Protein backbone atom coordinates (compact mmCIF):
# COMPACT_ATOMS: atom_id res chain seq x y z
CA MET A 1 136.23 10.06 -120.71
CA GLU A 2 134.19 8.50 -123.81
CA SER A 3 132.10 5.34 -122.58
CA ASN A 4 132.12 2.13 -124.37
CA GLN A 5 128.75 2.60 -125.39
CA ASP A 6 129.09 5.79 -127.02
CA GLN A 7 131.54 3.88 -129.08
CA LEU A 8 129.01 1.55 -129.85
CA ASP A 9 126.63 4.27 -130.81
CA ARG A 10 128.99 6.14 -133.38
CA VAL A 11 129.92 2.68 -135.06
CA PHE A 12 126.33 1.04 -135.38
CA GLY A 13 125.43 4.78 -136.82
CA ALA A 14 127.88 4.63 -139.08
CA LEU A 15 127.02 1.20 -140.12
CA SER A 16 123.63 2.18 -140.62
CA ASP A 17 124.15 3.73 -143.86
CA ARG A 18 124.12 1.64 -147.27
CA THR A 19 126.81 4.07 -148.67
CA ARG A 20 129.46 3.37 -145.59
CA ARG A 21 128.76 -0.15 -145.50
CA SER A 22 129.72 -0.39 -149.48
CA ILE A 23 132.43 1.68 -148.41
CA ILE A 24 133.36 -0.79 -145.46
CA LEU A 25 132.96 -3.89 -147.82
CA ARG A 26 135.32 -2.41 -150.40
CA LEU A 27 138.09 -1.49 -147.97
CA ALA A 28 138.19 -4.88 -147.01
CA GLU A 29 140.17 -5.57 -150.04
CA GLY A 30 142.58 -3.01 -148.96
CA PRO A 31 143.54 0.81 -149.03
CA ALA A 32 141.09 2.51 -151.43
CA ARG A 33 141.89 6.67 -152.61
CA VAL A 34 138.49 8.71 -151.76
CA GLY A 35 138.08 8.80 -155.98
CA GLU A 36 138.27 4.94 -156.11
CA LEU A 37 135.98 4.63 -153.37
CA ALA A 38 133.01 7.38 -155.37
CA GLU A 39 133.13 5.40 -158.23
CA PRO A 40 130.62 2.67 -157.93
CA PHE A 41 128.18 5.67 -156.61
CA ASP A 42 126.12 8.93 -158.32
CA MET A 43 128.05 11.28 -155.98
CA THR A 44 131.16 13.13 -155.95
CA PRO A 45 134.15 12.35 -154.45
CA ALA A 46 133.75 15.30 -152.23
CA ALA A 47 130.82 13.58 -151.02
CA VAL A 48 131.75 10.12 -150.63
CA GLY A 49 134.48 12.03 -148.11
CA LYS A 50 131.48 12.87 -145.89
CA HIS A 51 130.98 9.43 -145.54
CA VAL A 52 134.33 8.41 -145.16
CA ARG A 53 134.51 10.81 -142.56
CA ILE A 54 131.73 9.75 -140.27
CA LEU A 55 133.64 6.16 -140.74
CA GLU A 56 136.83 7.81 -138.86
CA ALA A 57 134.82 9.34 -136.35
CA ALA A 58 133.59 6.05 -135.58
CA GLY A 59 137.25 4.16 -136.05
CA LEU A 60 136.42 2.07 -138.57
CA VAL A 61 138.40 4.10 -141.34
CA LYS A 62 141.53 5.58 -140.71
CA ARG A 63 142.94 8.09 -143.68
CA HIS A 64 145.99 9.59 -144.79
CA ILE A 65 147.19 11.94 -147.33
CA GLU A 66 149.59 11.16 -149.90
CA GLY A 67 150.08 14.98 -151.87
CA ARG A 68 146.77 15.82 -152.50
CA VAL A 69 145.27 11.81 -152.61
CA HIS A 70 143.29 11.01 -149.71
CA ILE A 71 144.15 7.02 -148.70
CA CYS A 72 141.37 4.93 -146.41
CA GLU A 73 142.29 1.80 -144.68
CA LEU A 74 139.68 0.04 -142.97
CA GLU A 75 140.10 -0.22 -139.25
CA GLY A 76 139.38 -3.45 -138.07
CA ASP A 77 139.62 -2.71 -134.14
CA GLU A 78 136.13 -1.23 -133.63
CA LEU A 79 134.57 -3.56 -135.83
CA GLU A 80 135.70 -5.99 -133.57
CA THR A 81 133.93 -4.65 -130.36
CA ALA A 82 131.10 -4.42 -132.47
CA GLU A 83 130.71 -7.84 -133.31
CA ALA A 84 132.04 -9.19 -129.69
CA TRP A 85 128.81 -6.94 -128.44
CA LEU A 86 126.60 -9.03 -131.05
CA GLY A 87 128.41 -12.15 -130.01
CA TYR A 88 126.81 -11.84 -126.65
CA TYR A 89 123.06 -11.70 -128.02
CA ARG A 90 124.13 -14.13 -130.47
CA ASP A 91 124.82 -16.23 -127.61
CA TYR A 92 122.12 -15.41 -125.60
CA TRP A 93 119.47 -15.79 -128.31
CA SER A 94 121.00 -19.04 -129.23
CA ASP A 95 121.25 -20.42 -125.81
CA SER A 96 117.41 -19.33 -125.31
CA LEU A 97 116.04 -21.05 -128.39
CA ARG A 98 117.83 -24.36 -127.75
CA SER A 99 115.88 -24.33 -124.30
CA LEU A 100 112.82 -23.64 -126.13
CA ALA A 101 113.73 -26.34 -129.07
CA ASP A 102 114.53 -28.44 -125.85
CA TYR A 103 111.21 -27.68 -124.11
CA VAL A 104 108.91 -28.58 -126.96
CA GLU A 105 110.60 -31.74 -127.64
CA ASN A 106 110.11 -32.52 -123.44
CA MET A 107 106.40 -31.51 -124.30
CA ASN A 108 105.73 -33.71 -127.46
CA ASP A 109 107.78 -36.92 -125.60
CA SER A 110 105.26 -36.24 -122.72
């Protein structure tokens, strides 16, 4: 059984690469062929295909094949899981910084 932590490792590992983040950004606009995803980069469709496979393994992209054409789509569930994980820490740090600001203000009022 896969743990949630293992899946988060795959998601954040996939997102750690600039090219893969660019692919995610492009797919947020809508589905695209692997060849279209390769256009902005100085790499072959096969090289972009390797990035797509990493994104697929992380659950961020799904691909379907129509004849010889591979069409990729953004899969948002894992992004939502990662965002929820980050949200916990965003809330933690916001609360901590707010407490620190209150403390500093109270020190200055004294």
